[in-house]
Amino acid sequence: MSIHNGNLSGALDDDRAETIERVVAEVEDDIRHGRVTDDVSRVLGERLEAAGVALRPDAIEELAEDIENDVSL
């Protein structure tokens, strides 16, 4: 999944965008393998925070919805 700047507050530098994409890919993989049974937006928010990335709650929710859509395909 690609990260859209319009969904996120502030400009994304390459490192921040790569970190977000890595975390999103890990969450997607964990969902596909049945390792995530909790709310996707909560898990994503916690993992982004642990990786040092702060996003608005609505941006996290939108990314979580995108993840759920990608995984369900």
PDB file of N, CA and C in Angstrom:
ATOM      1  N   MET A   1       0.849  -1.164   0.000  1.00  0.00           N
ATOM      2  CA  MET A   1       0.000   0.000   0.000  1.00  0.00           C
ATOM      3  C   MET A   1       0.894   1.226   0.000  1.00  0.00           C
ATOM      4  N   SER A   2       0.490   2.244  -0.735  1.00  0.00           N
ATOM      5  CA  SER A   2       1.269   3.476  -0.720  1.00  0.00           C
ATOM      6  C   SER A   2       0.635   4.467   0.242  1.00  0.00           C
ATOM      7  N   ILE A   3       1.476   5.271   0.851  1.00  0.00           N
ATOM      8  CA  ILE A   3       1.043   6.266   1.818  1.00  0.00           C
ATOM      9  C   ILE A   3       0.722   7.548   1.077  1.00  0.00           C
ATOM     10  N   HIS A   4      -0.463   8.109   1.324  1.00  0.00           N
ATOM     11  CA  HIS A   4      -0.883   9.345   0.672  1.00  0.00           C
ATOM     12  C   HIS A   4      -0.676  10.521   1.615  1.00  0.00           C
ATOM     13  N   ASN A   5       0.090  11.523   1.180  1.00  0.00           N
ATOM     14  CA  ASN A   5       0.367  12.705   2.008  1.00  0.00           C
ATOM     15  C   ASN A   5      -0.893  13.411   2.452  1.00  0.00           C
ATOM     16  N   GLY A   6      -1.951  13.390   1.666  1.00  0.00           N
ATOM     17  CA  GLY A   6      -3.179  14.078   2.030  1.00  0.00           C
ATOM     18  C   GLY A   6      -3.825  13.512   3.278  1.00  0.00           C
ATOM     19  N   ASN A   7      -3.525  12.272   3.603  1.00  0.00           N
ATOM     20  CA  ASN A   7      -4.101  11.630   4.777  1.00  0.00           C
ATOM     21  C   ASN A   7      -3.331  11.933   6.048  1.00  0.00           C
ATOM     22  N   LEU A   8      -2.142  12.477   5.926  1.00  0.00           N
ATOM     23  CA  LEU A   8      -1.257  12.641   7.067  1.00  0.00           C
ATOM     24  C   LEU A   8      -0.962  14.103   7.310  1.00  0.00           C
ATOM     25  N   SER A   9      -0.765  14.432   8.578  1.00  0.00           N
ATOM     26  CA  SER A   9      -0.449  15.821   8.901  1.00  0.00           C
ATOM     27  C   SER A   9       1.021  16.094   8.627  1.00  0.00           C
ATOM     28  N   GLY A  10       1.307  17.214   8.018  1.00  0.00           N
ATOM     29  CA  GLY A  10       2.684  17.589   7.751  1.00  0.00           C
ATOM     30  C   GLY A  10       3.269  16.820   6.584  1.00  0.00           C
ATOM     31  N   ALA A  11       4.392  17.297   6.125  1.00  0.00           N
ATOM     32  CA  ALA A  11       5.083  16.640   5.022  1.00  0.00           C
ATOM     33  C   ALA A  11       5.774  15.382   5.532  1.00  0.00           C
ATOM     34  N   LEU A  12       5.848  14.396   4.675  1.00  0.00           N
ATOM     35  CA  LEU A  12       6.533  13.161   5.023  1.00  0.00           C
ATOM     36  C   LEU A  12       7.939  13.184   4.449  1.00  0.00           C
ATOM     37  N   ASP A  13       8.934  13.065   5.320  1.00  0.00           N
ATOM     38  CA  ASP A  13      10.268  12.889   4.792  1.00  0.00           C
ATOM     39  C   ASP A  13      10.428  11.411   4.450  1.00  0.00           C
ATOM     40  N   ASP A  14      11.466  11.080   3.730  1.00  0.00           N
ATOM     41  CA  ASP A  14      11.643   9.706   3.259  1.00  0.00           C
ATOM     42  C   ASP A  14      11.706   8.706   4.403  1.00  0.00           C
ATOM     43  N   ASP A  15      12.427   9.040   5.474  1.00  0.00           N
ATOM     44  CA  ASP A  15      12.558   8.114   6.606  1.00  0.00           C
ATOM     45  C   ASP A  15      11.210   7.854   7.275  1.00  0.00           C
ATOM     46  N   ARG A  16      10.437   8.921   7.464  1.00  0.00           N
ATOM     47  CA  ARG A  16       9.130   8.775   8.121  1.00  0.00           C
ATOM     48  C   ARG A  16       8.188   7.961   7.233  1.00  0.00           C
ATOM     49  N   ALA A  17       8.177   8.244   5.949  1.00  0.00           N
ATOM     50  CA  ALA A  17       7.321   7.498   5.022  1.00  0.00           C
ATOM     51  C   ALA A  17       7.722   6.025   4.999  1.00  0.00           C
ATOM     52  N   GLU A  18       9.020   5.751   4.983  1.00  0.00           N
ATOM     53  CA  GLU A  18       9.489   4.361   4.986  1.00  0.00           C
ATOM     54  C   GLU A  18       9.089   3.648   6.269  1.00  0.00           C
ATOM     55  N   THR A  19       9.171   4.338   7.388  1.00  0.00           N
ATOM     56  CA  THR A  19       8.788   3.746   8.669  1.00  0.00           C
ATOM     57  C   THR A  19       7.300   3.410   8.669  1.00  0.00           C
ATOM     58  N   ILE A  20       6.477   4.343   8.197  1.00  0.00           N
ATOM     59  CA  ILE A  20       5.036   4.094   8.146  1.00  0.00           C
ATOM     60  C   ILE A  20       4.743   2.917   7.227  1.00  0.00           C
ATOM     61  N   GLU A  21       5.355   2.892   6.062  1.00  0.00           N
ATOM     62  CA  GLU A  21       5.121   1.791   5.118  1.00  0.00           C
ATOM     63  C   GLU A  21       5.576   0.457   5.700  1.00  0.00           C
ATOM     64  N   ARG A  22       6.690   0.455   6.433  1.00  0.00           N
ATOM     65  CA  ARG A  22       7.170  -0.781   7.056  1.00  0.00           C
ATOM     66  C   ARG A  22       6.182  -1.271   8.107  1.00  0.00           C
ATOM     67  N   VAL A  23       5.712  -0.358   8.947  1.00  0.00           N
ATOM     68  CA  VAL A  23       4.768  -0.737   9.995  1.00  0.00           C
ATOM     69  C   VAL A  23       3.466  -1.238   9.376  1.00  0.00           C
ATOM     70  N   VAL A  24       2.972  -0.555   8.360  1.00  0.00           N
ATOM     71  CA  VAL A  24       1.745  -0.975   7.679  1.00  0.00           C
ATOM     72  C   VAL A  24       1.923  -2.373   7.088  1.00  0.00           C
ATOM     73  N   ALA A  25       3.052  -2.626   6.438  1.00  0.00           N
ATOM     74  CA  ALA A  25       3.314  -3.941   5.848  1.00  0.00           C
ATOM     75  C   ALA A  25       3.362  -5.023   6.921  1.00  0.00           C
ATOM     76  N   GLU A  26       3.967  -4.712   8.071  1.00  0.00           N
ATOM     77  CA  GLU A  26       4.030  -5.685   9.165  1.00  0.00           C
ATOM     78  C   GLU A  26       2.638  -5.993   9.707  1.00  0.00           C
ATOM     79  N   VAL A  27       1.805  -4.968   9.858  1.00  0.00           N
ATOM     80  CA  VAL A  27       0.440  -5.183  10.349  1.00  0.00           C
ATOM     81  C   VAL A  27      -0.346  -6.015   9.340  1.00  0.00           C
ATOM     82  N   GLU A  28      -0.225  -5.695   8.058  1.00  0.00           N
ATOM     83  CA  GLU A  28      -0.912  -6.478   7.024  1.00  0.00           C
ATOM     84  C   GLU A  28      -0.488  -7.945   7.090  1.00  0.00           C
ATOM     85  N   ASP A  29       0.820  -8.182   7.199  1.00  0.00           N
ATOM     86  CA  ASP A  29       1.332  -9.547   7.262  1.00  0.00           C
ATOM     87  C   ASP A  29       0.807 -10.270   8.507  1.00  0.00           C
ATOM     88  N   ASP A  30       0.807  -9.579   9.629  1.00  0.00           N
ATOM     89  CA  ASP A  30       0.306 -10.197  10.860  1.00  0.00           C
ATOM     90  C   ASP A  30      -1.176 -10.527  10.763  1.00  0.00           C
ATOM     91  N   ILE A  31      -1.953  -9.679  10.098  1.00  0.00           N
ATOM     92  CA  ILE A  31      -3.375  -9.970   9.910  1.00  0.00           C
ATOM     93  C   ILE A  31      -3.541 -11.199   9.029  1.00  0.00           C
ATOM     94  N   ARG A  32      -2.812 -11.240   7.935  1.00  0.00           N
ATOM     95  CA  ARG A  32      -2.910 -12.386   7.010  1.00  0.00           C
ATOM     96  C   ARG A  32      -2.541 -13.705   7.691  1.00  0.00           C
ATOM     97  N   HIS A  33      -1.650 -13.645   8.665  1.00  0.00           N
ATOM     98  CA  HIS A  33      -1.221 -14.860   9.363  1.00  0.00           C
ATOM     99  C   HIS A  33      -1.969 -15.092  10.667  1.00  0.00           C
ATOM    100  N   GLY A  34      -3.015 -14.319  10.903  1.00  0.00           N
ATOM    101  CA  GLY A  34      -3.855 -14.516  12.067  1.00  0.00           C
ATOM    102  C   GLY A  34      -3.247 -14.071  13.384  1.00  0.00           C
ATOM    103  N   ARG A  35      -2.222 -13.228  13.330  1.00  0.00           N
ATOM    104  CA  ARG A  35      -1.577 -12.781  14.555  1.00  0.00           C
ATOM    105  C   ARG A  35      -2.174 -11.489  15.113  1.00  0.00           C
ATOM    106  N   VAL A  36      -3.109 -10.891  14.378  1.00  0.00           N
ATOM    107  CA  VAL A  36      -3.799  -9.699  14.867  1.00  0.00           C
ATOM    108  C   VAL A  36      -5.276 -10.031  14.962  1.00  0.00           C
ATOM    109  N   THR A  37      -5.776 -10.029  16.179  1.00  0.00           N
ATOM    110  CA  THR A  37      -7.197 -10.288  16.392  1.00  0.00           C
ATOM    111  C   THR A  37      -7.873  -9.088  17.041  1.00  0.00           C
ATOM    112  N   ASP A  38      -7.099  -8.057  17.337  1.00  0.00           N
ATOM    113  CA  ASP A  38      -7.585  -6.846  17.979  1.00  0.00           C
ATOM    114  C   ASP A  38      -7.968  -5.823  16.913  1.00  0.00           C
ATOM    115  N   ASP A  39      -8.467  -4.682  17.352  1.00  0.00           N
ATOM    116  CA  ASP A  39      -8.835  -3.584  16.469  1.00  0.00           C
ATOM    117  C   ASP A  39      -7.596  -3.123  15.688  1.00  0.00           C
ATOM    118  N   VAL A  40      -7.691  -3.113  14.372  1.00  0.00           N
ATOM    119  CA  VAL A  40      -6.547  -2.795  13.516  1.00  0.00           C
ATOM    120  C   VAL A  40      -6.040  -1.380  13.769  1.00  0.00           C
ATOM    121  N   SER A  41      -6.931  -0.420  13.945  1.00  0.00           N
ATOM    122  CA  SER A  41      -6.460   0.953  14.161  1.00  0.00           C
ATOM    123  C   SER A  41      -5.720   1.079  15.487  1.00  0.00           C
ATOM    124  N   ARG A  42      -6.145   0.343  16.512  1.00  0.00           N
ATOM    125  CA  ARG A  42      -5.438   0.391  17.791  1.00  0.00           C
ATOM    126  C   ARG A  42      -4.055  -0.235  17.664  1.00  0.00           C
ATOM    127  N   VAL A  43      -3.984  -1.395  17.020  1.00  0.00           N
ATOM    128  CA  VAL A  43      -2.694  -2.073  16.819  1.00  0.00           C
ATOM    129  C   VAL A  43      -1.764  -1.194  15.985  1.00  0.00           C
ATOM    130  N   LEU A  44      -2.287  -0.633  14.914  1.00  0.00           N
ATOM    131  CA  LEU A  44      -1.478   0.225  14.046  1.00  0.00           C
ATOM    132  C   LEU A  44      -0.973   1.437  14.818  1.00  0.00           C
ATOM    133  N   GLY A  45      -1.845   2.083  15.575  1.00  0.00           N
ATOM    134  CA  GLY A  45      -1.452   3.243  16.358  1.00  0.00           C
ATOM    135  C   GLY A  45      -0.351   2.923  17.353  1.00  0.00           C
ATOM    136  N   GLU A  46      -0.482   1.791  18.034  1.00  0.00           N
ATOM    137  CA  GLU A  46       0.539   1.382  19.011  1.00  0.00           C
ATOM    138  C   GLU A  46       1.875   1.110  18.330  1.00  0.00           C
ATOM    139  N   ARG A  47       1.837   0.448  17.190  1.00  0.00           N
ATOM    140  CA  ARG A  47       3.080   0.123  16.492  1.00  0.00           C
ATOM    141  C   ARG A  47       3.745   1.354  15.897  1.00  0.00           C
ATOM    142  N   LEU A  48       2.936   2.275  15.382  1.00  0.00           N
ATOM    143  CA  LEU A  48       3.508   3.522  14.876  1.00  0.00           C
ATOM    144  C   LEU A  48       4.142   4.311  16.009  1.00  0.00           C
ATOM    145  N   GLU A  49       3.464   4.374  17.131  1.00  0.00           N
ATOM    146  CA  GLU A  49       4.010   5.078  18.295  1.00  0.00           C
ATOM    147  C   GLU A  49       5.324   4.446  18.740  1.00  0.00           C
ATOM    148  N   ALA A  50       5.366   3.119  18.776  1.00  0.00           N
ATOM    149  CA  ALA A  50       6.589   2.419  19.169  1.00  0.00           C
ATOM    150  C   ALA A  50       7.729   2.686  18.185  1.00  0.00           C
ATOM    151  N   ALA A  51       7.372   2.943  16.926  1.00  0.00           N
ATOM    152  CA  ALA A  51       8.376   3.224  15.899  1.00  0.00           C
ATOM    153  C   ALA A  51       8.743   4.711  15.869  1.00  0.00           C
ATOM    154  N   GLY A  52       8.121   5.502  16.739  1.00  0.00           N
ATOM    155  CA  GLY A  52       8.455   6.917  16.823  1.00  0.00           C
ATOM    156  C   GLY A  52       7.718   7.810  15.847  1.00  0.00           C
ATOM    157  N   VAL A  53       6.577   7.328  15.333  1.00  0.00           N
ATOM    158  CA  VAL A  53       5.797   8.107  14.376  1.00  0.00           C
ATOM    159  C   VAL A  53       4.464   8.491  15.014  1.00  0.00           C
ATOM    160  N   ALA A  54       4.204   9.782  15.078  1.00  0.00           N
ATOM    161  CA  ALA A  54       2.939  10.281  15.606  1.00  0.00           C
ATOM    162  C   ALA A  54       2.058  10.729  14.451  1.00  0.00           C
ATOM    163  N   LEU A  55       0.848  10.194  14.403  1.00  0.00           N
ATOM    164  CA  LEU A  55      -0.127  10.593  13.387  1.00  0.00           C
ATOM    165  C   LEU A  55      -1.430  10.972  14.072  1.00  0.00           C
ATOM    166  N   ARG A  56      -2.218  11.789  13.398  1.00  0.00           N
ATOM    167  CA  ARG A  56      -3.545  12.133  13.903  1.00  0.00           C
ATOM    168  C   ARG A  56      -4.390  10.862  13.979  1.00  0.00           C
ATOM    169  N   PRO A  57      -5.307  10.790  14.935  1.00  0.00           N
ATOM    170  CA  PRO A  57      -6.174   9.606  15.039  1.00  0.00           C
ATOM    171  C   PRO A  57      -6.959   9.316  13.762  1.00  0.00           C
ATOM    172  N   ASP A  58      -7.417  10.354  13.071  1.00  0.00           N
ATOM    173  CA  ASP A  58      -8.162  10.111  11.840  1.00  0.00           C
ATOM    174  C   ASP A  58      -7.261   9.558  10.736  1.00  0.00           C
ATOM    175  N   ALA A  59      -5.990   9.935  10.730  1.00  0.00           N
ATOM    176  CA  ALA A  59      -5.045   9.386   9.746  1.00  0.00           C
ATOM    177  C   ALA A  59      -4.777   7.917  10.034  1.00  0.00           C
ATOM    178  N   ILE A  60      -4.643   7.581  11.317  1.00  0.00           N
ATOM    179  CA  ILE A  60      -4.448   6.172  11.693  1.00  0.00           C
ATOM    180  C   ILE A  60      -5.666   5.356  11.310  1.00  0.00           C
ATOM    181  N   GLU A  61      -6.836   5.882  11.574  1.00  0.00           N
ATOM    182  CA  GLU A  61      -8.077   5.180  11.230  1.00  0.00           C
ATOM    183  C   GLU A  61      -8.187   4.947   9.724  1.00  0.00           C
ATOM    184  N   GLU A  62      -7.828   5.966   8.953  1.00  0.00           N
ATOM    185  CA  GLU A  62      -7.888   5.826   7.502  1.00  0.00           C
ATOM    186  C   GLU A  62      -6.881   4.786   7.002  1.00  0.00           C
ATOM    187  N   LEU A  63      -5.674   4.805   7.551  1.00  0.00           N
ATOM    188  CA  LEU A  63      -4.686   3.781   7.187  1.00  0.00           C
ATOM    189  C   LEU A  63      -5.179   2.392   7.582  1.00  0.00           C
ATOM    190  N   ALA A  64      -5.790   2.273   8.755  1.00  0.00           N
ATOM    191  CA  ALA A  64      -6.307   0.981   9.206  1.00  0.00           C
ATOM    192  C   ALA A  64      -7.388   0.471   8.268  1.00  0.00           C
ATOM    193  N   GLU A  65      -8.262   1.365   7.812  1.00  0.00           N
ATOM    194  CA  GLU A  65      -9.293   0.968   6.856  1.00  0.00           C
ATOM    195  C   GLU A  65      -8.666   0.494   5.556  1.00  0.00           C
ATOM    196  N   ASP A  66      -7.630   1.189   5.101  1.00  0.00           N
ATOM    197  CA  ASP A  66      -6.925   0.781   3.878  1.00  0.00           C
ATOM    198  C   ASP A  66      -6.291  -0.602   4.060  1.00  0.00           C
ATOM    199  N   ILE A  67      -5.702  -0.827   5.225  1.00  0.00           N
ATOM    200  CA  ILE A  67      -5.094  -2.124   5.519  1.00  0.00           C
ATOM    201  C   ILE A  67      -6.153  -3.216   5.473  1.00  0.00           C
ATOM    202  N   GLU A  68      -7.281  -2.984   6.122  1.00  0.00           N
ATOM    203  CA  GLU A  68      -8.353  -3.985   6.139  1.00  0.00           C
ATOM    204  C   GLU A  68      -8.846  -4.283   4.744  1.00  0.00           C
ATOM    205  N   ASN A  69      -8.970  -3.243   3.913  1.00  0.00           N
ATOM    206  CA  ASN A  69      -9.397  -3.440   2.520  1.00  0.00           C
ATOM    207  C   ASN A  69      -8.355  -4.227   1.731  1.00  0.00           C
ATOM    208  N   ASP A  70      -7.081  -3.887   1.896  1.00  0.00           N
ATOM    209  CA  ASP A  70      -6.007  -4.588   1.187  1.00  0.00           C
ATOM    210  C   ASP A  70      -5.966  -6.060   1.571  1.00  0.00           C
ATOM    211  N   VAL A  71      -6.103  -6.344   2.859  1.00  0.00           N
ATOM    212  CA  VAL A  71      -6.001  -7.711   3.351  1.00  0.00           C
ATOM    213  C   VAL A  71      -7.199  -8.550   2.900  1.00  0.00           C
ATOM    214  N   SER A  72      -8.358  -7.908   2.755  1.00  0.00           N
ATOM    215  CA  SER A  72      -9.556  -8.657   2.396  1.00  0.00           C
ATOM    216  C   SER A  72      -9.615  -9.011   0.913  1.00  0.00           C
ATOM    217  N   LEU A  73      -8.742  -8.434   0.099  1.00  0.00           N
ATOM    218  CA  LEU A  73      -8.736  -8.719  -1.346  1.00  0.00           C
ATOM    219  C   LEU A  73      -8.207 -10.081  -1.653  1.00  0.00           C
TER     220      LEU A  73
END
